[in-house]
Structures are given as structure tokens and as C-alpha cells.
């Protein structure tokens, strides 16, 4: 079974009602995880460490959705990236 990679990251937001980071150079990269459960566990731990800071949020990005090996070219490749 293929890994379903997930990236956990977070940081301080400009406004807690948006997802715009205040300083993208200071984004906290928690790590890359091989499955959703381990990513969720890491996300939860990071979020709980910063629970008193309303402007700090953590996210899980589904990296495995960015590339589908079954397609001739992924949308990223189409852009030439």
C-alpha cells in the first residue's frame, strides 16, 4: 500500500478568522507523516501546545493529493513547476 503523505504545519495568523500567516518565514513545520492518523496526532499535540494563543493555528495538508501517479501529468507538472 502506498504512503498517503501528510504535512503538519502552523504559525501565527494575521487574524484568527483567516488562514493568512503573519510571517511565512516563521511557519512551524511539524513534519511529514505517512498516514492521516499520525499526522492528526502531531497536529493535535502542536495545537494543544499553543491553545492559549488564539492567533496560532496548525493545519494538515494532504500531500498525497498533489500527485496522482495514475495520471499522465499532475496539475503541478502542467504548470511547469
PDB file of N, CA and C in Angstrom:
ATOM      1  N   UNK A   1       0.847  -1.193   0.000  1.00  0.00           N
ATOM      2  CA  UNK A   1       0.000   0.000   0.000  1.00  0.00           C
ATOM      3  C   UNK A   1       0.887   1.250   0.000  1.00  0.00           C
ATOM      4  N   UNK A   2       0.564   2.201  -0.844  1.00  0.00           N
ATOM      5  CA  UNK A   2       1.342   3.437  -0.946  1.00  0.00           C
ATOM      6  C   UNK A   2       1.125   4.316   0.269  1.00  0.00           C
ATOM      7  N   UNK A   3       2.163   5.067   0.600  1.00  0.00           N
ATOM      8  CA  UNK A   3       2.031   6.031   1.689  1.00  0.00           C
ATOM      9  C   UNK A   3       1.100   7.154   1.256  1.00  0.00           C
ATOM     10  N   UNK A   4       0.335   7.642   2.170  1.00  0.00           N
ATOM     11  CA  UNK A   4      -0.521   8.794   1.932  1.00  0.00           C
ATOM     12  C   UNK A   4       0.056   9.922   2.776  1.00  0.00           C
ATOM     13  N   UNK A   5       1.024  10.617   2.208  1.00  0.00           N
ATOM     14  CA  UNK A   5       1.783  11.617   2.948  1.00  0.00           C
ATOM     15  C   UNK A   5       0.937  12.813   3.361  1.00  0.00           C
ATOM     16  N   UNK A   6       1.201  13.269   4.586  1.00  0.00           N
ATOM     17  CA  UNK A   6       0.524  14.438   5.152  1.00  0.00           C
ATOM     18  C   UNK A   6       1.566  15.334   5.808  1.00  0.00           C
ATOM     19  N   UNK A   7       1.433  16.630   5.588  1.00  0.00           N
ATOM     20  CA  UNK A   7       2.325  17.623   6.176  1.00  0.00           C
ATOM     21  C   UNK A   7       1.579  18.376   7.261  1.00  0.00           C
ATOM     22  N   UNK A   8       2.184  18.492   8.439  1.00  0.00           N
ATOM     23  CA  UNK A   8       1.593  19.262   9.539  1.00  0.00           C
ATOM     24  C   UNK A   8       2.435  20.520   9.718  1.00  0.00           C
ATOM     25  N   UNK A   9       1.764  21.663   9.688  1.00  0.00           N
ATOM     26  CA  UNK A   9       2.455  22.938   9.806  1.00  0.00           C
ATOM     27  C   UNK A   9       1.518  23.959  10.448  1.00  0.00           C
ATOM     28  N   UNK A  10       2.101  25.049  10.923  1.00  0.00           N
ATOM     29  CA  UNK A  10       1.276  26.084  11.528  1.00  0.00           C
ATOM     30  C   UNK A  10       2.089  27.313  11.848  1.00  0.00           C
ATOM     31  N   UNK A  11       1.407  28.273  12.440  1.00  0.00           N
ATOM     32  CA  UNK A  11       2.070  29.506  12.809  1.00  0.00           C
ATOM     33  C   UNK A  11       1.071  30.571  13.187  1.00  0.00           C
ATOM     34  N   UNK A  12       1.597  31.764  13.374  1.00  0.00           N
ATOM     35  CA  UNK A  12       0.765  32.892  13.780  1.00  0.00           C
ATOM     36  C   UNK A  12       0.031  33.460  12.576  1.00  0.00           C
ATOM     37  N   UNK A  13      -1.264  33.668  12.745  1.00  0.00           N
ATOM     38  CA  UNK A  13      -2.091  34.217  11.674  1.00  0.00           C
ATOM     39  C   UNK A  13      -2.297  35.711  11.859  1.00  0.00           C
ATOM     40  N   UNK A  14      -2.546  36.408  10.761  1.00  0.00           N
ATOM     41  CA  UNK A  14      -2.842  37.840  10.820  1.00  0.00           C
ATOM     42  C   UNK A  14      -4.119  38.059  11.629  1.00  0.00           C
ATOM     43  N   UNK A  15      -5.105  37.217  11.369  1.00  0.00           N
ATOM     44  CA  UNK A  15      -6.412  37.296  12.025  1.00  0.00           C
ATOM     45  C   UNK A  15      -6.884  35.856  12.222  1.00  0.00           C
ATOM     46  N   UNK A  16      -7.337  35.492  13.417  1.00  0.00           N
ATOM     47  CA  UNK A  16      -7.733  34.105  13.660  1.00  0.00           C
ATOM     48  C   UNK A  16      -8.914  33.625  12.809  1.00  0.00           C
ATOM     49  N   UNK A  17      -9.622  34.542  12.164  1.00  0.00           N
ATOM     50  CA  UNK A  17     -10.746  34.120  11.325  1.00  0.00           C
ATOM     51  C   UNK A  17     -10.310  33.870   9.876  1.00  0.00           C
ATOM     52  N   UNK A  18      -8.999  34.001   9.593  1.00  0.00           N
ATOM     53  CA  UNK A  18      -8.475  33.750   8.251  1.00  0.00           C
ATOM     54  C   UNK A  18      -7.380  32.685   8.319  1.00  0.00           C
ATOM     55  N   UNK A  19      -6.823  32.373   7.171  1.00  0.00           N
ATOM     56  CA  UNK A  19      -5.695  31.432   7.135  1.00  0.00           C
ATOM     57  C   UNK A  19      -4.450  32.102   6.557  1.00  0.00           C
ATOM     58  N   UNK A  20      -4.347  33.418   6.721  1.00  0.00           N
ATOM     59  CA  UNK A  20      -3.196  34.173   6.244  1.00  0.00           C
ATOM     60  C   UNK A  20      -2.152  34.261   7.352  1.00  0.00           C
ATOM     61  N   UNK A  21      -0.957  33.734   7.065  1.00  0.00           N
ATOM     62  CA  UNK A  21       0.101  33.756   8.065  1.00  0.00           C
ATOM     63  C   UNK A  21       0.685  35.156   8.202  1.00  0.00           C
ATOM     64  N   UNK A  22       0.997  35.526   9.444  1.00  0.00           N
ATOM     65  CA  UNK A  22       1.595  36.826   9.723  1.00  0.00           C
ATOM     66  C   UNK A  22       2.997  36.919   9.126  1.00  0.00           C
ATOM     67  N   UNK A  23       3.773  35.860   9.257  1.00  0.00           N
ATOM     68  CA  UNK A  23       5.148  35.841   8.743  1.00  0.00           C
ATOM     69  C   UNK A  23       5.441  34.442   8.209  1.00  0.00           C
ATOM     70  N   UNK A  24       5.415  34.284   6.893  1.00  0.00           N
ATOM     71  CA  UNK A  24       5.624  32.955   6.306  1.00  0.00           C
ATOM     72  C   UNK A  24       7.039  32.422   6.541  1.00  0.00           C
ATOM     73  N   UNK A  25       7.960  33.285   6.896  1.00  0.00           N
ATOM     74  CA  UNK A  25       9.314  32.827   7.209  1.00  0.00           C
ATOM     75  C   UNK A  25       9.392  32.150   8.567  1.00  0.00           C
ATOM     76  N   UNK A  26       8.360  32.287   9.374  1.00  0.00           N
ATOM     77  CA  UNK A  26       8.344  31.686  10.707  1.00  0.00           C
ATOM     78  C   UNK A  26       7.283  30.603  10.852  1.00  0.00           C
ATOM     79  N   UNK A  27       6.918  29.965   9.745  1.00  0.00           N
ATOM     80  CA  UNK A  27       5.969  28.858   9.816  1.00  0.00           C
ATOM     81  C   UNK A  27       6.659  27.674  10.491  1.00  0.00           C
ATOM     82  N   UNK A  28       5.963  27.070  11.424  1.00  0.00           N
ATOM     83  CA  UNK A  28       6.474  25.905  12.145  1.00  0.00           C
ATOM     84  C   UNK A  28       6.117  24.654  11.341  1.00  0.00           C
ATOM     85  N   UNK A  29       7.133  24.002  10.788  1.00  0.00           N
ATOM     86  CA  UNK A  29       6.936  22.741  10.072  1.00  0.00           C
ATOM     87  C   UNK A  29       7.078  21.621  11.095  1.00  0.00           C
ATOM     88  N   UNK A  30       5.961  21.037  11.477  1.00  0.00           N
ATOM     89  CA  UNK A  30       5.981  19.964  12.473  1.00  0.00           C
ATOM     90  C   UNK A  30       6.580  18.704  11.863  1.00  0.00           C
ATOM     91  N   UNK A  31       6.165  18.390  10.629  1.00  0.00           N
ATOM     92  CA  UNK A  31       6.750  17.234   9.961  1.00  0.00           C
ATOM     93  C   UNK A  31       5.852  16.629   8.906  1.00  0.00           C
ATOM     94  N   UNK A  32       6.415  15.621   8.222  1.00  0.00           N
ATOM     95  CA  UNK A  32       5.717  14.865   7.198  1.00  0.00           C
ATOM     96  C   UNK A  32       5.391  13.502   7.792  1.00  0.00           C
ATOM     97  N   UNK A  33       4.166  13.023   7.559  1.00  0.00           N
ATOM     98  CA  UNK A  33       3.713  11.789   8.178  1.00  0.00           C
ATOM     99  C   UNK A  33       3.129  10.845   7.128  1.00  0.00           C
ATOM    100  N   UNK A  34       3.307   9.532   7.312  1.00  0.00           N
ATOM    101  CA  UNK A  34       2.910   8.563   6.297  1.00  0.00           C
ATOM    102  C   UNK A  34       1.419   8.228   6.264  1.00  0.00           C
ATOM    103  N   UNK A  35       0.676   8.712   7.240  1.00  0.00           N
ATOM    104  CA  UNK A  35      -0.762   8.424   7.260  1.00  0.00           C
ATOM    105  C   UNK A  35      -1.491   9.525   8.036  1.00  0.00           C
ATOM    106  N   UNK A  36      -2.793   9.580   7.839  1.00  0.00           N
ATOM    107  CA  UNK A  36      -3.575  10.648   8.454  1.00  0.00           C
ATOM    108  C   UNK A  36      -3.562  10.554   9.978  1.00  0.00           C
ATOM    109  N   UNK A  37      -3.645   9.369  10.529  1.00  0.00           N
ATOM    110  CA  UNK A  37      -3.708   9.225  11.986  1.00  0.00           C
ATOM    111  C   UNK A  37      -2.468   9.793  12.665  1.00  0.00           C
ATOM    112  N   UNK A  38      -1.286   9.477  12.159  1.00  0.00           N
ATOM    113  CA  UNK A  38      -0.073  10.014  12.789  1.00  0.00           C
ATOM    114  C   UNK A  38       0.021  11.528  12.567  1.00  0.00           C
ATOM    115  N   UNK A  39      -0.450  12.022  11.416  1.00  0.00           N
ATOM    116  CA  UNK A  39      -0.479  13.464  11.177  1.00  0.00           C
ATOM    117  C   UNK A  39      -1.450  14.141  12.136  1.00  0.00           C
ATOM    118  N   UNK A  40      -2.589  13.528  12.341  1.00  0.00           N
ATOM    119  CA  UNK A  40      -3.586  14.090  13.258  1.00  0.00           C
ATOM    120  C   UNK A  40      -3.045  14.143  14.683  1.00  0.00           C
ATOM    121  N   UNK A  41      -2.360  13.107  15.090  1.00  0.00           N
ATOM    122  CA  UNK A  41      -1.763  13.079  16.435  1.00  0.00           C
ATOM    123  C   UNK A  41      -0.751  14.218  16.596  1.00  0.00           C
ATOM    124  N   UNK A  42       0.080  14.427  15.578  1.00  0.00           N
ATOM    125  CA  UNK A  42       1.078  15.505  15.626  1.00  0.00           C
ATOM    126  C   UNK A  42       0.397  16.870  15.602  1.00  0.00           C
ATOM    127  N   UNK A  43      -0.634  17.008  14.765  1.00  0.00           N
ATOM    128  CA  UNK A  43      -1.397  18.259  14.700  1.00  0.00           C
ATOM    129  C   UNK A  43      -2.015  18.585  16.061  1.00  0.00           C
ATOM    130  N   UNK A  44      -2.623  17.577  16.673  1.00  0.00           N
ATOM    131  CA  UNK A  44      -3.287  17.776  17.961  1.00  0.00           C
ATOM    132  C   UNK A  44      -2.279  18.200  19.034  1.00  0.00           C
ATOM    133  N   UNK A  45      -1.119  17.571  19.060  1.00  0.00           N
ATOM    134  CA  UNK A  45      -0.088  17.922  20.047  1.00  0.00           C
ATOM    135  C   UNK A  45       0.383  19.361  19.835  1.00  0.00           C
ATOM    136  N   UNK A  46       0.621  19.746  18.580  1.00  0.00           N
ATOM    137  CA  UNK A  46       1.069  21.118  18.287  1.00  0.00           C
ATOM    138  C   UNK A  46      -0.015  22.123  18.639  1.00  0.00           C
ATOM    139  N   UNK A  47      -1.241  21.817  18.291  1.00  0.00           N
ATOM    140  CA  UNK A  47      -2.356  22.724  18.582  1.00  0.00           C
ATOM    141  C   UNK A  47      -2.553  22.883  20.092  1.00  0.00           C
ATOM    142  N   UNK A  48      -2.411  21.804  20.843  1.00  0.00           N
ATOM    143  CA  UNK A  48      -2.578  21.881  22.294  1.00  0.00           C
ATOM    144  C   UNK A  48      -1.463  22.680  22.953  1.00  0.00           C
ATOM    145  N   UNK A  49      -0.260  22.650  22.373  1.00  0.00           N
ATOM    146  CA  UNK A  49       0.851  23.445  22.929  1.00  0.00           C
ATOM    147  C   UNK A  49       0.580  24.940  22.797  1.00  0.00           C
ATOM    148  N   UNK A  50      -0.214  25.319  21.807  1.00  0.00           N
ATOM    149  CA  UNK A  50      -0.456  26.737  21.538  1.00  0.00           C
ATOM    150  C   UNK A  50      -1.915  27.130  21.788  1.00  0.00           C
ATOM    151  N   UNK A  51      -2.607  26.367  22.588  1.00  0.00           N
ATOM    152  CA  UNK A  51      -4.047  26.580  22.807  1.00  0.00           C
ATOM    153  C   UNK A  51      -4.351  27.969  23.386  1.00  0.00           C
ATOM    154  N   UNK A  52      -3.433  28.557  24.109  1.00  0.00           N
ATOM    155  CA  UNK A  52      -3.671  29.871  24.715  1.00  0.00           C
ATOM    156  C   UNK A  52      -3.410  31.031  23.762  1.00  0.00           C
ATOM    157  N   UNK A  53      -2.909  30.744  22.571  1.00  0.00           N
ATOM    158  CA  UNK A  53      -2.631  31.787  21.583  1.00  0.00           C
ATOM    159  C   UNK A  53      -3.649  31.678  20.455  1.00  0.00           C
ATOM    160  N   UNK A  54      -4.671  32.533  20.482  1.00  0.00           N
ATOM    161  CA  UNK A  54      -5.756  32.468  19.501  1.00  0.00           C
ATOM    162  C   UNK A  54      -5.294  32.736  18.079  1.00  0.00           C
ATOM    163  N   UNK A  55      -4.153  33.378  17.910  1.00  0.00           N
ATOM    164  CA  UNK A  55      -3.665  33.701  16.575  1.00  0.00           C
ATOM    165  C   UNK A  55      -2.808  32.596  15.953  1.00  0.00           C
ATOM    166  N   UNK A  56      -2.530  31.549  16.699  1.00  0.00           N
ATOM    167  CA  UNK A  56      -1.709  30.464  16.186  1.00  0.00           C
ATOM    168  C   UNK A  56      -2.595  29.267  15.857  1.00  0.00           C
ATOM    169  N   UNK A  57      -2.434  28.774  14.624  1.00  0.00           N
ATOM    170  CA  UNK A  57      -3.202  27.612  14.181  1.00  0.00           C
ATOM    171  C   UNK A  57      -2.292  26.646  13.450  1.00  0.00           C
ATOM    172  N   UNK A  58      -2.670  25.388  13.505  1.00  0.00           N
ATOM    173  CA  UNK A  58      -1.947  24.331  12.803  1.00  0.00           C
ATOM    174  C   UNK A  58      -2.881  23.660  11.811  1.00  0.00           C
ATOM    175  N   UNK A  59      -2.281  23.143  10.734  1.00  0.00           N
ATOM    176  CA  UNK A  59      -3.035  22.564   9.635  1.00  0.00           C
ATOM    177  C   UNK A  59      -2.428  21.233   9.214  1.00  0.00           C
ATOM    178  N   UNK A  60      -3.256  20.412   8.573  1.00  0.00           N
ATOM    179  CA  UNK A  60      -2.789  19.169   7.954  1.00  0.00           C
ATOM    180  C   UNK A  60      -3.004  19.318   6.455  1.00  0.00           C
ATOM    181  N   UNK A  61      -1.922  19.203   5.693  1.00  0.00           N
ATOM    182  CA  UNK A  61      -2.007  19.249   4.230  1.00  0.00           C
ATOM    183  C   UNK A  61      -1.895  17.822   3.702  1.00  0.00           C
ATOM    184  N   UNK A  62      -2.804  17.456   2.839  1.00  0.00           N
ATOM    185  CA  UNK A  62      -2.825  16.116   2.249  1.00  0.00           C
ATOM    186  C   UNK A  62      -1.910  16.094   1.026  1.00  0.00           C
ATOM    187  N   UNK A  63      -0.625  15.892   1.273  1.00  0.00           N
ATOM    188  CA  UNK A  63       0.385  15.938   0.223  1.00  0.00           C
ATOM    189  C   UNK A  63       0.122  14.869  -0.842  1.00  0.00           C
ATOM    190  N   UNK A  64      -0.392  13.742  -0.444  1.00  0.00           N
ATOM    191  CA  UNK A  64      -0.645  12.657  -1.391  1.00  0.00           C
ATOM    192  C   UNK A  64      -1.659  13.055  -2.457  1.00  0.00           C
ATOM    193  N   UNK A  65      -2.445  14.071  -2.213  1.00  0.00           N
ATOM    194  CA  UNK A  65      -3.427  14.513  -3.201  1.00  0.00           C
ATOM    195  C   UNK A  65      -2.815  15.406  -4.275  1.00  0.00           C
ATOM    196  N   UNK A  66      -1.596  15.854  -4.084  1.00  0.00           N
ATOM    197  CA  UNK A  66      -0.961  16.736  -5.048  1.00  0.00           C
ATOM    198  C   UNK A  66      -0.471  16.001  -6.294  1.00  0.00           C
ATOM    199  N   UNK A  67      -0.281  14.710  -6.167  1.00  0.00           N
ATOM    200  CA  UNK A  67       0.218  13.957  -7.317  1.00  0.00           C
ATOM    201  C   UNK A  67      -0.497  12.621  -7.412  1.00  0.00           C
ATOM    202  N   UNK A  68      -1.035  12.356  -8.558  1.00  0.00           N
ATOM    203  CA  UNK A  68      -1.682  11.080  -8.824  1.00  0.00           C
ATOM    204  C   UNK A  68      -0.833  10.356  -9.860  1.00  0.00           C
ATOM    205  N   UNK A  69      -0.137   9.329  -9.437  1.00  0.00           N
ATOM    206  CA  UNK A  69       0.777   8.603 -10.321  1.00  0.00           C
ATOM    207  C   UNK A  69       0.047   7.969 -11.498  1.00  0.00           C
ATOM    208  N   UNK A  70      -1.265   7.790 -11.396  1.00  0.00           N
ATOM    209  CA  UNK A  70      -2.029   7.183 -12.471  1.00  0.00           C
ATOM    210  C   UNK A  70      -2.325   8.130 -13.621  1.00  0.00           C
ATOM    211  N   UNK A  71      -2.150   9.421 -13.421  1.00  0.00           N
ATOM    212  CA  UNK A  71      -2.402  10.400 -14.471  1.00  0.00           C
ATOM    213  C   UNK A  71      -1.144  10.643 -15.296  1.00  0.00           C
ATOM    214  N   UNK A  72      -1.326  11.047 -16.531  1.00  0.00           N
ATOM    215  CA  UNK A  72      -0.186  11.324 -17.405  1.00  0.00           C
ATOM    216  C   UNK A  72       0.685  12.439 -16.840  1.00  0.00           C
ATOM    217  N   UNK A  73       0.055  13.485 -16.294  1.00  0.00           N
ATOM    218  CA  UNK A  73       0.800  14.597 -15.695  1.00  0.00           C
ATOM    219  C   UNK A  73      -0.063  15.197 -14.596  1.00  0.00           C
ATOM    220  N   UNK A  74       0.569  15.517 -13.504  1.00  0.00           N
ATOM    221  CA  UNK A  74      -0.162  16.126 -12.401  1.00  0.00           C
ATOM    222  C   UNK A  74      -0.410  17.606 -12.723  1.00  0.00           C
ATOM    223  N   UNK A  75      -1.360  18.268 -12.031  1.00  0.00           N
ATOM    224  CA  UNK A  75      -1.574  19.702 -12.262  1.00  0.00           C
ATOM    225  C   UNK A  75      -0.303  20.522 -12.021  1.00  0.00           C
ATOM    226  N   UNK A  76       0.538  20.101 -11.091  1.00  0.00           N
ATOM    227  CA  UNK A  76       1.788  20.804 -10.820  1.00  0.00           C
ATOM    228  C   UNK A  76       2.712  20.725 -12.037  1.00  0.00           C
ATOM    229  N   UNK A  77       2.804  19.554 -12.628  1.00  0.00           N
ATOM    230  CA  UNK A  77       3.642  19.397 -13.830  1.00  0.00           C
ATOM    231  C   UNK A  77       3.098  20.225 -14.982  1.00  0.00           C
ATOM    232  N   UNK A  78       1.788  20.330 -15.072  1.00  0.00           N
ATOM    233  CA  UNK A  78       1.169  21.130 -16.123  1.00  0.00           C
ATOM    234  C   UNK A  78       1.609  22.596 -16.029  1.00  0.00           C
ATOM    235  N   UNK A  79       1.863  23.068 -14.809  1.00  0.00           N
ATOM    236  CA  UNK A  79       2.302  24.431 -14.605  1.00  0.00           C
ATOM    237  C   UNK A  79       3.797  24.616 -14.866  1.00  0.00           C
ATOM    238  N   UNK A  80       4.488  23.506 -15.044  1.00  0.00           N
ATOM    239  CA  UNK A  80       5.928  23.569 -15.277  1.00  0.00           C
ATOM    240  C   UNK A  80       6.732  23.741 -14.008  1.00  0.00           C
ATOM    241  N   UNK A  81       6.153  23.390 -12.874  1.00  0.00           N
ATOM    242  CA  UNK A  81       6.856  23.523 -11.598  1.00  0.00           C
ATOM    243  C   UNK A  81       7.563  22.252 -11.227  1.00  0.00           C
TER     244      UNK A  81
END
